[in-house]
């Protein structure tokens, strides 16, 4: 920053004096008085000489706040492995006993997947036939600002995909949404094959 030459007046000094003459000051002490004659205009400055500069450096790209939008891929149809409706009704009414339960609430996807794999392997080795997997319904709000919240819960969406993975698929014969008494849309009946 360069210092101003105290002998030079600013370019808008004439404008300032015209405005200052129309204003009544709050304090009279220290008020500048100017003669009624206008001050001389400052001399014209010569046009600056164009100096060639190096092109500006490219700034590194900033990380985007949100990832770029990607259209959803066409989903490959998962094989329909629904539990037989008659068995589902019997489980829902309590005629077939649920051999085990696992609650995946509050877990991240990785934690829930690992817990589900461990649980299914253990129950299959024990010879259990029907287990209840509780995922929760997930957040569903249509009136909020966040459009992503209109989707169902992640764990609820991922459970059929996880059950269809090659490590679990040979042990699982089918799955269905649980009856209202066992959690409704927030839980799944999973039928295991015989060991």
N, C-alpha and C. Protein backbone atom coordinates (compact mmCIF):
# COMPACT_ATOMS: atom_id res chain seq x y z
N UNK A 1 0.85 -1.17 0.00
CA UNK A 1 0.00 0.00 0.00
C UNK A 1 0.89 1.23 0.00
N UNK A 2 0.64 2.14 -0.90
CA UNK A 2 1.49 3.33 -0.99
C UNK A 2 0.93 4.45 -0.12
N UNK A 3 1.83 5.26 0.38
CA UNK A 3 1.40 6.41 1.19
C UNK A 3 0.97 7.53 0.26
N UNK A 4 0.02 8.30 0.70
CA UNK A 4 -0.43 9.44 -0.11
C UNK A 4 0.52 10.61 0.06
N UNK A 5 0.64 11.33 -1.01
CA UNK A 5 1.44 12.56 -0.96
C UNK A 5 0.60 13.60 -0.24
N UNK A 6 1.08 14.14 0.89
CA UNK A 6 0.24 15.08 1.65
C UNK A 6 -0.05 16.37 0.88
N UNK A 7 0.72 16.66 -0.17
CA UNK A 7 0.50 17.90 -0.93
C UNK A 7 -0.60 17.74 -1.97
N UNK A 8 -0.93 16.50 -2.32
CA UNK A 8 -1.97 16.26 -3.33
C UNK A 8 -3.33 16.15 -2.67
N UNK A 9 -4.33 16.66 -3.30
CA UNK A 9 -5.70 16.56 -2.81
C UNK A 9 -6.36 15.36 -3.48
N UNK A 10 -7.31 14.72 -2.79
CA UNK A 10 -8.01 13.62 -3.44
C UNK A 10 -8.83 14.12 -4.62
N UNK A 11 -9.15 13.22 -5.57
CA UNK A 11 -9.86 13.60 -6.79
C UNK A 11 -11.28 14.07 -6.51
N UNK A 12 -11.90 13.59 -5.48
CA UNK A 12 -13.28 13.96 -5.20
C UNK A 12 -13.39 15.03 -4.12
N UNK A 13 -12.33 15.83 -3.96
CA UNK A 13 -12.34 16.86 -2.92
C UNK A 13 -13.40 17.92 -3.20
N UNK A 14 -13.61 18.24 -4.47
CA UNK A 14 -14.63 19.24 -4.83
C UNK A 14 -16.02 18.74 -4.45
N UNK A 15 -16.27 17.47 -4.71
CA UNK A 15 -17.55 16.90 -4.34
C UNK A 15 -17.74 16.93 -2.83
N UNK A 16 -16.68 16.61 -2.11
CA UNK A 16 -16.74 16.60 -0.65
C UNK A 16 -17.04 17.98 -0.10
N UNK A 17 -16.40 18.99 -0.63
CA UNK A 17 -16.64 20.36 -0.12
C UNK A 17 -18.07 20.80 -0.43
N UNK A 18 -18.61 20.40 -1.57
CA UNK A 18 -19.98 20.78 -1.91
C UNK A 18 -20.97 20.12 -0.96
N UNK A 19 -20.76 18.84 -0.65
CA UNK A 19 -21.67 18.13 0.26
C UNK A 19 -21.49 18.65 1.68
N UNK A 20 -20.27 18.88 2.10
CA UNK A 20 -20.00 19.34 3.47
C UNK A 20 -20.61 20.71 3.73
N UNK A 21 -20.75 21.53 2.71
CA UNK A 21 -21.33 22.87 2.92
C UNK A 21 -22.83 22.81 3.16
N UNK A 22 -23.49 21.71 2.79
CA UNK A 22 -24.94 21.60 2.99
C UNK A 22 -25.31 20.93 4.31
N UNK A 23 -24.33 20.47 5.07
CA UNK A 23 -24.60 19.72 6.29
C UNK A 23 -24.32 20.61 7.49
N UNK A 24 -25.19 20.52 8.50
CA UNK A 24 -24.94 21.21 9.76
C UNK A 24 -24.15 20.29 10.66
N UNK A 25 -22.97 20.68 11.11
CA UNK A 25 -22.14 19.80 11.94
C UNK A 25 -22.70 19.68 13.35
N UNK A 26 -22.43 18.54 14.01
CA UNK A 26 -22.84 18.34 15.38
C UNK A 26 -21.95 19.16 16.32
N UNK A 27 -20.66 19.24 15.99
CA UNK A 27 -19.72 20.02 16.79
C UNK A 27 -19.15 21.12 15.91
N UNK A 28 -19.03 22.29 16.44
CA UNK A 28 -18.46 23.41 15.69
C UNK A 28 -16.95 23.41 15.82
N UNK A 29 -16.44 22.87 16.91
CA UNK A 29 -15.01 22.90 17.14
C UNK A 29 -14.30 21.97 16.16
N UNK A 30 -13.25 22.40 15.55
CA UNK A 30 -12.47 21.58 14.65
C UNK A 30 -13.03 21.52 13.25
N UNK A 31 -14.03 22.41 12.93
CA UNK A 31 -14.63 22.42 11.61
C UNK A 31 -13.72 23.15 10.64
N UNK A 32 -13.48 22.60 9.49
CA UNK A 32 -12.65 23.23 8.48
C UNK A 32 -13.46 24.29 7.74
N UNK A 33 -12.87 25.43 7.55
CA UNK A 33 -13.55 26.50 6.80
C UNK A 33 -12.78 26.69 5.51
N UNK A 34 -13.50 26.76 4.46
CA UNK A 34 -12.89 26.95 3.15
C UNK A 34 -13.38 28.27 2.58
N UNK A 35 -12.55 28.82 1.77
CA UNK A 35 -12.95 30.07 1.11
C UNK A 35 -14.03 29.76 0.10
N UNK A 36 -14.77 30.72 -0.28
CA UNK A 36 -15.87 30.53 -1.21
C UNK A 36 -15.40 30.19 -2.62
N UNK A 37 -14.14 30.41 -2.89
CA UNK A 37 -13.66 30.11 -4.25
C UNK A 37 -13.34 28.63 -4.36
N UNK A 38 -13.63 28.05 -5.49
CA UNK A 38 -13.33 26.62 -5.65
C UNK A 38 -11.83 26.39 -5.74
N UNK A 39 -11.44 25.27 -5.29
CA UNK A 39 -10.04 24.88 -5.35
C UNK A 39 -9.69 24.46 -6.78
N UNK A 40 -8.43 24.57 -7.12
CA UNK A 40 -8.05 24.15 -8.48
C UNK A 40 -8.14 22.63 -8.62
N UNK A 41 -8.49 22.20 -9.82
CA UNK A 41 -8.60 20.78 -10.10
C UNK A 41 -7.21 20.15 -10.11
N UNK A 42 -7.09 18.91 -9.67
CA UNK A 42 -5.79 18.26 -9.71
C UNK A 42 -5.38 18.00 -11.16
N UNK A 43 -4.08 17.95 -11.41
CA UNK A 43 -3.63 17.72 -12.78
C UNK A 43 -3.98 16.31 -13.24
N UNK A 44 -4.21 16.17 -14.54
CA UNK A 44 -4.52 14.87 -15.12
C UNK A 44 -3.32 13.95 -15.00
N UNK A 45 -3.56 12.74 -14.63
CA UNK A 45 -2.47 11.77 -14.55
C UNK A 45 -2.28 11.13 -15.90
N UNK A 46 -1.04 10.84 -16.28
CA UNK A 46 -0.82 10.19 -17.57
C UNK A 46 -1.37 8.76 -17.50
N UNK A 47 -1.77 8.26 -18.65
CA UNK A 47 -2.31 6.90 -18.71
C UNK A 47 -1.22 5.91 -18.32
N UNK A 48 -1.57 4.92 -17.53
CA UNK A 48 -0.55 3.96 -17.11
C UNK A 48 -0.04 3.14 -18.31
N UNK A 49 1.23 2.85 -18.26
CA UNK A 49 1.84 2.07 -19.32
C UNK A 49 1.48 0.60 -19.10
N UNK A 50 1.01 -0.06 -20.15
CA UNK A 50 0.62 -1.46 -20.03
C UNK A 50 1.86 -2.32 -19.86
N UNK A 51 1.88 -3.05 -18.80
CA UNK A 51 2.99 -3.96 -18.53
C UNK A 51 2.46 -5.38 -18.73
N UNK A 52 3.15 -6.15 -19.55
CA UNK A 52 2.69 -7.52 -19.77
C UNK A 52 3.01 -8.36 -18.55
N UNK A 53 2.01 -9.04 -18.10
CA UNK A 53 2.16 -9.88 -16.92
C UNK A 53 2.07 -11.34 -17.35
N UNK A 54 2.61 -12.17 -16.50
CA UNK A 54 2.50 -13.60 -16.75
C UNK A 54 1.05 -14.01 -16.54
N UNK A 55 0.58 -15.02 -17.27
CA UNK A 55 -0.81 -15.44 -17.06
C UNK A 55 -1.00 -15.90 -15.62
N UNK A 56 -2.19 -15.68 -15.07
CA UNK A 56 -2.42 -16.07 -13.68
C UNK A 56 -2.33 -17.58 -13.51
N UNK A 57 -1.87 -17.96 -12.34
CA UNK A 57 -1.75 -19.39 -12.04
C UNK A 57 -3.13 -20.00 -11.88
N UNK A 58 -3.24 -21.21 -12.29
CA UNK A 58 -4.50 -21.93 -12.10
C UNK A 58 -4.61 -22.36 -10.65
N UNK A 59 -5.73 -22.03 -10.07
CA UNK A 59 -5.99 -22.42 -8.69
C UNK A 59 -6.38 -23.89 -8.68
N UNK A 60 -5.93 -24.63 -7.66
CA UNK A 60 -6.35 -26.03 -7.60
C UNK A 60 -7.87 -26.12 -7.41
N UNK A 61 -8.44 -27.10 -8.02
CA UNK A 61 -9.90 -27.26 -7.93
C UNK A 61 -10.30 -27.56 -6.50
N UNK A 62 -11.36 -26.88 -6.06
CA UNK A 62 -11.86 -27.12 -4.71
C UNK A 62 -12.70 -28.37 -4.69
N UNK A 63 -12.71 -29.00 -3.54
CA UNK A 63 -13.55 -30.19 -3.38
C UNK A 63 -15.00 -29.74 -3.30
N UNK A 64 -15.84 -30.37 -4.08
CA UNK A 64 -17.25 -30.00 -4.12
C UNK A 64 -17.92 -30.30 -2.78
N UNK A 65 -18.89 -29.45 -2.41
CA UNK A 65 -19.62 -29.64 -1.17
C UNK A 65 -20.43 -30.92 -1.23
N UNK A 66 -21.08 -31.15 -2.34
CA UNK A 66 -21.86 -32.36 -2.55
C UNK A 66 -21.28 -33.10 -3.74
N UNK A 67 -21.33 -34.40 -3.72
CA UNK A 67 -20.84 -35.12 -4.90
C UNK A 67 -21.72 -34.82 -6.10
N UNK A 68 -21.17 -34.91 -7.31
CA UNK A 68 -22.00 -34.63 -8.48
C UNK A 68 -23.13 -35.65 -8.60
N UNK A 69 -24.22 -35.21 -9.15
CA UNK A 69 -25.39 -36.07 -9.30
C UNK A 69 -25.09 -37.19 -10.27
N UNK A 70 -25.49 -38.37 -9.90
CA UNK A 70 -25.38 -39.52 -10.78
C UNK A 70 -26.75 -40.16 -10.87
N UNK A 71 -27.19 -40.34 -12.07
CA UNK A 71 -28.49 -40.97 -12.26
C UNK A 71 -28.42 -42.40 -11.75
N UNK A 72 -29.49 -42.88 -11.13
CA UNK A 72 -29.46 -44.25 -10.63
C UNK A 72 -29.31 -45.25 -11.76
N UNK A 73 -28.51 -46.25 -11.51
CA UNK A 73 -28.31 -47.30 -12.50
C UNK A 73 -29.55 -48.17 -12.56
N UNK A 74 -29.85 -48.71 -13.71
CA UNK A 74 -31.01 -49.62 -13.75
C UNK A 74 -30.72 -50.81 -12.86
N UNK A 75 -31.58 -51.00 -11.91
CA UNK A 75 -31.33 -52.05 -10.92
C UNK A 75 -31.58 -53.42 -11.52
N UNK A 76 -30.62 -54.28 -11.27
CA UNK A 76 -30.79 -55.66 -11.71
C UNK A 76 -31.83 -56.29 -10.81
N UNK A 77 -32.75 -56.96 -11.40
CA UNK A 77 -33.83 -57.55 -10.62
C UNK A 77 -33.28 -58.66 -9.74
N UNK A 78 -33.53 -58.53 -8.43
CA UNK A 78 -33.13 -59.58 -7.50
C UNK A 78 -34.09 -60.75 -7.66
N UNK A 79 -33.59 -61.94 -7.51
CA UNK A 79 -34.51 -63.06 -7.60
C UNK A 79 -35.55 -62.98 -6.49
N UNK A 80 -36.77 -63.30 -6.82
CA UNK A 80 -37.85 -63.23 -5.84
C UNK A 80 -37.75 -64.44 -4.92
N UNK A 81 -37.34 -64.18 -3.70
CA UNK A 81 -37.20 -65.25 -2.73
C UNK A 81 -38.16 -65.01 -1.58
N UNK A 82 -39.40 -64.79 -1.88
CA UNK A 82 -40.38 -64.54 -0.84
C UNK A 82 -40.68 -65.83 -0.08
N UNK A 83 -40.92 -65.65 1.21
CA UNK A 83 -41.32 -66.77 2.05
C UNK A 83 -42.70 -67.22 1.59
N UNK A 84 -42.95 -68.50 1.61
CA UNK A 84 -44.25 -69.05 1.24
C UNK A 84 -45.33 -68.33 2.07
N UNK A 85 -46.39 -67.82 1.43
CA UNK A 85 -47.42 -67.08 2.16
C UNK A 85 -48.05 -67.86 3.31
N UNK A 86 -48.20 -69.14 3.17
CA UNK A 86 -48.80 -69.94 4.25
C UNK A 86 -47.86 -69.96 5.47
N UNK A 87 -46.57 -70.12 5.21
CA UNK A 87 -45.60 -70.12 6.32
C UNK A 87 -45.54 -68.73 6.95
N UNK A 88 -45.60 -67.69 6.12
CA UNK A 88 -45.56 -66.32 6.66
C UNK A 88 -46.75 -66.06 7.57
N UNK A 89 -47.93 -66.51 7.17
CA UNK A 89 -49.12 -66.35 8.02
C UNK A 89 -48.95 -67.10 9.33
N UNK A 90 -48.41 -68.33 9.28
CA UNK A 90 -48.22 -69.11 10.51
C UNK A 90 -47.21 -68.45 11.44
N UNK A 91 -46.15 -67.89 10.87
CA UNK A 91 -45.15 -67.19 11.70
C UNK A 91 -45.78 -65.95 12.30
N UNK A 92 -46.53 -65.20 11.50
CA UNK A 92 -47.18 -63.97 11.98
C UNK A 92 -48.18 -64.23 13.07
N UNK A 93 -48.86 -65.39 13.03
CA UNK A 93 -49.86 -65.72 14.05
C UNK A 93 -49.26 -66.45 15.24
N UNK A 94 -48.00 -66.79 15.16
CA UNK A 94 -47.34 -67.44 16.28
C UNK A 94 -47.38 -68.95 16.25
N UNK A 95 -47.86 -69.55 15.18
CA UNK A 95 -47.93 -71.01 15.08
C UNK A 95 -46.56 -71.62 14.78
N UNK A 96 -45.72 -70.86 14.08
CA UNK A 96 -44.32 -71.27 13.87
C UNK A 96 -43.47 -70.33 14.70
N UNK A 97 -42.63 -70.89 15.51
CA UNK A 97 -41.83 -70.11 16.45
C UNK A 97 -40.66 -69.43 15.72
N UNK A 98 -40.35 -68.22 16.14
CA UNK A 98 -39.18 -67.51 15.62
C UNK A 98 -37.99 -67.98 16.44
N UNK A 99 -36.98 -68.52 15.75
CA UNK A 99 -35.84 -69.13 16.44
C UNK A 99 -34.81 -68.11 16.91
N UNK A 100 -34.74 -66.95 16.30
CA UNK A 100 -33.76 -65.96 16.71
C UNK A 100 -34.11 -64.58 16.18
N UNK A 101 -33.60 -63.56 16.85
CA UNK A 101 -33.84 -62.17 16.45
C UNK A 101 -32.52 -61.42 16.43
N UNK A 102 -32.40 -60.48 15.51
CA UNK A 102 -31.26 -59.56 15.50
C UNK A 102 -31.82 -58.18 15.19
N UNK A 103 -31.36 -57.20 15.96
CA UNK A 103 -31.79 -55.81 15.78
C UNK A 103 -30.61 -55.02 15.21
N UNK A 104 -30.78 -54.47 14.04
CA UNK A 104 -29.70 -53.73 13.36
C UNK A 104 -29.84 -52.22 13.54
N UNK A 105 -30.78 -51.78 14.39
CA UNK A 105 -30.95 -50.33 14.62
C UNK A 105 -29.65 -49.69 15.08
N UNK A 106 -29.40 -48.50 14.61
CA UNK A 106 -28.26 -47.72 15.08
C UNK A 106 -26.91 -48.16 14.55
N UNK A 107 -26.89 -49.12 13.68
CA UNK A 107 -25.62 -49.59 13.12
C UNK A 107 -25.38 -48.92 11.77
N UNK A 108 -24.10 -48.78 11.43
CA UNK A 108 -23.77 -48.32 10.08
C UNK A 108 -23.99 -49.49 9.12
N UNK A 109 -23.90 -49.22 7.84
CA UNK A 109 -24.11 -50.29 6.86
C UNK A 109 -23.08 -51.40 7.04
N UNK A 110 -21.82 -51.02 7.23
CA UNK A 110 -20.77 -52.04 7.38
C UNK A 110 -20.98 -52.87 8.63
N UNK A 111 -21.31 -52.20 9.74
CA UNK A 111 -21.55 -52.93 10.99
C UNK A 111 -22.75 -53.86 10.85
N UNK A 112 -23.82 -53.36 10.25
CA UNK A 112 -25.04 -54.15 10.11
C UNK A 112 -24.80 -55.35 9.19
N UNK A 113 -24.07 -55.16 8.11
CA UNK A 113 -23.79 -56.27 7.20
C UNK A 113 -22.95 -57.34 7.89
N UNK A 114 -21.93 -56.92 8.63
CA UNK A 114 -21.08 -57.89 9.33
C UNK A 114 -21.89 -58.64 10.40
N UNK A 115 -22.72 -57.91 11.15
CA UNK A 115 -23.54 -58.54 12.18
C UNK A 115 -24.54 -59.52 11.57
N UNK A 116 -25.14 -59.15 10.44
CA UNK A 116 -26.10 -60.02 9.77
C UNK A 116 -25.41 -61.30 9.28
N UNK A 117 -24.22 -61.18 8.67
CA UNK A 117 -23.49 -62.35 8.19
C UNK A 117 -23.17 -63.30 9.35
N UNK A 118 -22.68 -62.75 10.43
CA UNK A 118 -22.32 -63.56 11.59
C UNK A 118 -23.57 -64.26 12.15
N UNK A 119 -24.67 -63.50 12.26
CA UNK A 119 -25.91 -64.03 12.82
C UNK A 119 -26.47 -65.16 11.95
N UNK A 120 -26.56 -64.94 10.64
CA UNK A 120 -27.12 -65.96 9.73
C UNK A 120 -26.25 -67.22 9.75
N UNK A 121 -24.93 -67.05 9.71
CA UNK A 121 -24.04 -68.23 9.75
C UNK A 121 -24.25 -69.02 11.04
N UNK A 122 -24.30 -68.31 12.18
CA UNK A 122 -24.46 -68.99 13.47
C UNK A 122 -25.81 -69.72 13.54
N UNK A 123 -26.88 -69.06 13.11
CA UNK A 123 -28.21 -69.67 13.18
C UNK A 123 -28.35 -70.83 12.20
N UNK A 124 -27.73 -70.73 11.05
CA UNK A 124 -27.76 -71.83 10.08
C UNK A 124 -27.05 -73.06 10.64
N UNK A 125 -25.89 -72.83 11.27
CA UNK A 125 -25.13 -73.95 11.84
C UNK A 125 -25.89 -74.60 13.00
N UNK A 126 -26.70 -73.81 13.72
CA UNK A 126 -27.50 -74.35 14.82
C UNK A 126 -28.70 -75.15 14.32
N UNK A 127 -29.08 -74.93 13.08
CA UNK A 127 -30.25 -75.64 12.55
C UNK A 127 -31.53 -74.85 12.66
N UNK A 128 -31.45 -73.56 12.98
CA UNK A 128 -32.67 -72.74 13.08
C UNK A 128 -33.28 -72.56 11.69
N UNK A 129 -34.60 -72.38 11.67
CA UNK A 129 -35.30 -72.25 10.39
C UNK A 129 -35.86 -70.86 10.13
N UNK A 130 -36.36 -70.17 11.17
CA UNK A 130 -36.99 -68.87 10.99
C UNK A 130 -36.35 -67.87 11.93
N UNK A 131 -35.86 -66.76 11.37
CA UNK A 131 -35.27 -65.70 12.20
C UNK A 131 -35.93 -64.38 11.83
N UNK A 132 -35.89 -63.46 12.77
CA UNK A 132 -36.46 -62.13 12.57
C UNK A 132 -35.31 -61.14 12.52
N UNK A 133 -35.23 -60.39 11.45
CA UNK A 133 -34.20 -59.35 11.30
C UNK A 133 -34.90 -58.01 11.36
N UNK A 134 -34.56 -57.21 12.38
CA UNK A 134 -35.19 -55.91 12.59
C UNK A 134 -34.26 -54.84 12.01
N UNK A 135 -34.76 -54.13 11.00
CA UNK A 135 -33.97 -53.06 10.37
C UNK A 135 -34.49 -51.68 10.72
N UNK A 136 -35.72 -51.58 11.10
CA UNK A 136 -36.36 -50.28 11.30
C UNK A 136 -36.94 -49.82 9.97
N UNK A 137 -37.91 -48.94 10.05
CA UNK A 137 -38.57 -48.46 8.84
C UNK A 137 -37.75 -47.41 8.13
N UNK A 138 -36.85 -46.76 8.84
CA UNK A 138 -36.09 -45.67 8.24
C UNK A 138 -36.89 -44.39 8.29
N UNK A 139 -36.27 -43.30 7.88
CA UNK A 139 -36.90 -41.99 7.93
C UNK A 139 -37.78 -41.83 6.70
N UNK A 140 -38.98 -41.36 6.96
CA UNK A 140 -39.87 -41.07 5.83
C UNK A 140 -40.63 -39.80 6.12
N UNK A 141 -40.21 -38.70 5.51
CA UNK A 141 -40.91 -37.44 5.66
C UNK A 141 -41.09 -36.82 4.29
N UNK A 142 -42.31 -36.52 3.94
CA UNK A 142 -42.59 -35.93 2.63
C UNK A 142 -42.64 -34.41 2.70
N UNK A 143 -42.79 -33.85 3.90
CA UNK A 143 -42.97 -32.41 4.03
C UNK A 143 -41.69 -31.66 4.35
N UNK A 144 -40.61 -32.34 4.61
CA UNK A 144 -39.36 -31.67 4.96
C UNK A 144 -38.63 -31.18 3.73
N UNK A 145 -37.62 -30.34 3.97
CA UNK A 145 -36.84 -29.76 2.88
C UNK A 145 -35.96 -30.78 2.20
N UNK A 146 -35.41 -31.72 2.95
CA UNK A 146 -34.44 -32.65 2.42
C UNK A 146 -35.16 -33.72 1.60
N UNK A 147 -34.95 -33.69 0.31
CA UNK A 147 -35.66 -34.61 -0.58
C UNK A 147 -35.21 -36.05 -0.38
N UNK A 148 -33.96 -36.24 0.05
CA UNK A 148 -33.44 -37.60 0.23
C UNK A 148 -34.16 -38.33 1.35
N UNK A 149 -34.84 -37.59 2.22
CA UNK A 149 -35.49 -38.22 3.35
C UNK A 149 -36.80 -38.89 2.96
N UNK A 150 -37.23 -38.74 1.70
CA UNK A 150 -38.45 -39.42 1.29
C UNK A 150 -38.17 -40.89 0.99
N UNK A 151 -36.91 -41.27 0.91
CA UNK A 151 -36.54 -42.66 0.70
C UNK A 151 -36.71 -43.44 1.99
N UNK A 152 -36.87 -44.73 1.87
CA UNK A 152 -36.93 -45.58 3.04
C UNK A 152 -35.54 -45.79 3.59
N UNK A 153 -35.43 -46.40 4.76
CA UNK A 153 -34.15 -46.58 5.42
C UNK A 153 -33.15 -47.38 4.62
N UNK A 154 -31.89 -47.09 4.86
CA UNK A 154 -30.81 -47.74 4.12
C UNK A 154 -30.74 -49.22 4.47
N UNK A 155 -30.80 -49.55 5.75
CA UNK A 155 -30.69 -50.95 6.15
C UNK A 155 -31.86 -51.77 5.61
N UNK A 156 -33.04 -51.18 5.62
CA UNK A 156 -34.22 -51.86 5.10
C UNK A 156 -34.06 -52.13 3.61
N UNK A 157 -33.48 -51.17 2.90
CA UNK A 157 -33.27 -51.32 1.46
C UNK A 157 -32.17 -52.34 1.16
N UNK A 158 -31.12 -52.35 1.97
CA UNK A 158 -29.96 -53.19 1.69
C UNK A 158 -30.15 -54.64 2.12
N UNK A 159 -31.05 -54.93 3.03
CA UNK A 159 -31.19 -56.30 3.54
C UNK A 159 -31.41 -57.34 2.44
N UNK A 160 -32.34 -57.16 1.49
CA UNK A 160 -32.49 -58.17 0.44
C UNK A 160 -31.22 -58.35 -0.41
N UNK A 161 -30.48 -57.27 -0.60
CA UNK A 161 -29.23 -57.36 -1.37
C UNK A 161 -28.22 -58.18 -0.60
N UNK A 162 -28.10 -57.94 0.70
CA UNK A 162 -27.14 -58.69 1.52
C UNK A 162 -27.52 -60.17 1.58
N UNK A 163 -28.82 -60.45 1.71
CA UNK A 163 -29.25 -61.85 1.80
C UNK A 163 -29.05 -62.59 0.48
N UNK A 164 -28.93 -61.85 -0.61
CA UNK A 164 -28.74 -62.46 -1.91
C UNK A 164 -27.26 -62.58 -2.29
N UNK A 165 -26.35 -62.16 -1.42
CA UNK A 165 -24.92 -62.27 -1.70
C UNK A 165 -24.51 -63.75 -1.71
N UNK A 166 -23.45 -64.07 -2.45
CA UNK A 166 -23.03 -65.48 -2.56
C UNK A 166 -22.70 -66.14 -1.22
N UNK A 167 -22.26 -65.37 -0.23
CA UNK A 167 -21.93 -65.99 1.06
C UNK A 167 -23.16 -66.35 1.88
N UNK A 168 -24.30 -65.69 1.65
CA UNK A 168 -25.52 -65.99 2.41
C UNK A 168 -26.60 -66.69 1.59
N UNK A 169 -26.59 -66.50 0.31
CA UNK A 169 -27.65 -67.04 -0.54
C UNK A 169 -27.86 -68.55 -0.40
N UNK A 170 -26.79 -69.37 -0.28
CA UNK A 170 -27.03 -70.81 -0.14
C UNK A 170 -27.72 -71.20 1.18
N UNK A 171 -27.65 -70.32 2.18
CA UNK A 171 -28.25 -70.64 3.48
C UNK A 171 -29.68 -70.12 3.62
N UNK A 172 -30.06 -69.14 2.78
CA UNK A 172 -31.35 -68.47 2.91
C UNK A 172 -32.30 -68.99 1.84
N UNK A 173 -33.48 -69.43 2.27
CA UNK A 173 -34.47 -69.89 1.29
C UNK A 173 -35.43 -68.78 0.90
N UNK A 174 -35.62 -67.76 1.75
CA UNK A 174 -36.51 -66.66 1.40
C UNK A 174 -36.63 -65.65 2.52
N UNK A 175 -37.25 -64.52 2.21
CA UNK A 175 -37.49 -63.48 3.20
C UNK A 175 -38.77 -62.74 2.83
N UNK A 176 -39.42 -62.20 3.85
CA UNK A 176 -40.66 -61.43 3.67
C UNK A 176 -40.76 -60.38 4.76
N UNK A 177 -41.53 -59.36 4.48
CA UNK A 177 -41.77 -58.32 5.48
C UNK A 177 -42.57 -58.95 6.62
N UNK A 178 -42.21 -58.60 7.85
CA UNK A 178 -42.85 -59.21 9.02
C UNK A 178 -44.27 -58.70 9.21
N UNK A 179 -45.03 -59.45 9.99
CA UNK A 179 -46.39 -59.05 10.36
C UNK A 179 -46.31 -57.88 11.32
N UNK A 180 -47.41 -57.17 11.45
CA UNK A 180 -47.45 -55.97 12.29
C UNK A 180 -47.02 -56.25 13.73
N UNK A 181 -47.38 -57.40 14.26
CA UNK A 181 -47.03 -57.73 15.65
C UNK A 181 -45.53 -57.94 15.86
N UNK A 182 -44.81 -58.23 14.80
CA UNK A 182 -43.36 -58.44 14.89
C UNK A 182 -42.55 -57.27 14.35
N UNK A 183 -43.19 -56.15 14.06
CA UNK A 183 -42.45 -54.97 13.59
C UNK A 183 -42.92 -54.44 12.26
N UNK A 184 -43.80 -55.14 11.59
CA UNK A 184 -44.34 -54.64 10.33
C UNK A 184 -43.26 -54.39 9.30
N UNK A 185 -43.31 -53.23 8.66
CA UNK A 185 -42.37 -52.89 7.60
C UNK A 185 -40.95 -52.66 8.11
N UNK A 186 -40.76 -52.60 9.40
CA UNK A 186 -39.43 -52.40 9.96
C UNK A 186 -38.72 -53.69 10.31
N UNK A 187 -39.30 -54.83 9.96
CA UNK A 187 -38.68 -56.12 10.28
C UNK A 187 -38.94 -57.11 9.15
N UNK A 188 -38.11 -58.14 9.09
CA UNK A 188 -38.20 -59.15 8.04
C UNK A 188 -38.15 -60.55 8.65
N UNK A 189 -38.99 -61.44 8.11
CA UNK A 189 -38.85 -62.86 8.41
C UNK A 189 -37.83 -63.41 7.42
N UNK A 190 -36.86 -64.15 7.90
CA UNK A 190 -35.89 -64.79 7.02
C UNK A 190 -35.96 -66.28 7.29
N UNK A 191 -36.25 -67.04 6.24
CA UNK A 191 -36.31 -68.50 6.35
C UNK A 191 -34.97 -69.07 5.91
N UNK A 192 -34.42 -69.94 6.75
CA UNK A 192 -33.12 -70.56 6.43
C UNK A 192 -33.36 -71.97 5.92
N UNK A 193 -32.46 -72.44 5.11
CA UNK A 193 -32.54 -73.81 4.57
C UNK A 193 -32.13 -74.78 5.67
N UNK A 194 -32.43 -76.02 5.45
CA UNK A 194 -31.99 -77.04 6.39
C UNK A 194 -30.50 -77.28 6.21
N UNK A 195 -29.80 -77.45 7.33
CA UNK A 195 -28.34 -77.64 7.27
C UNK A 195 -27.98 -78.99 6.72
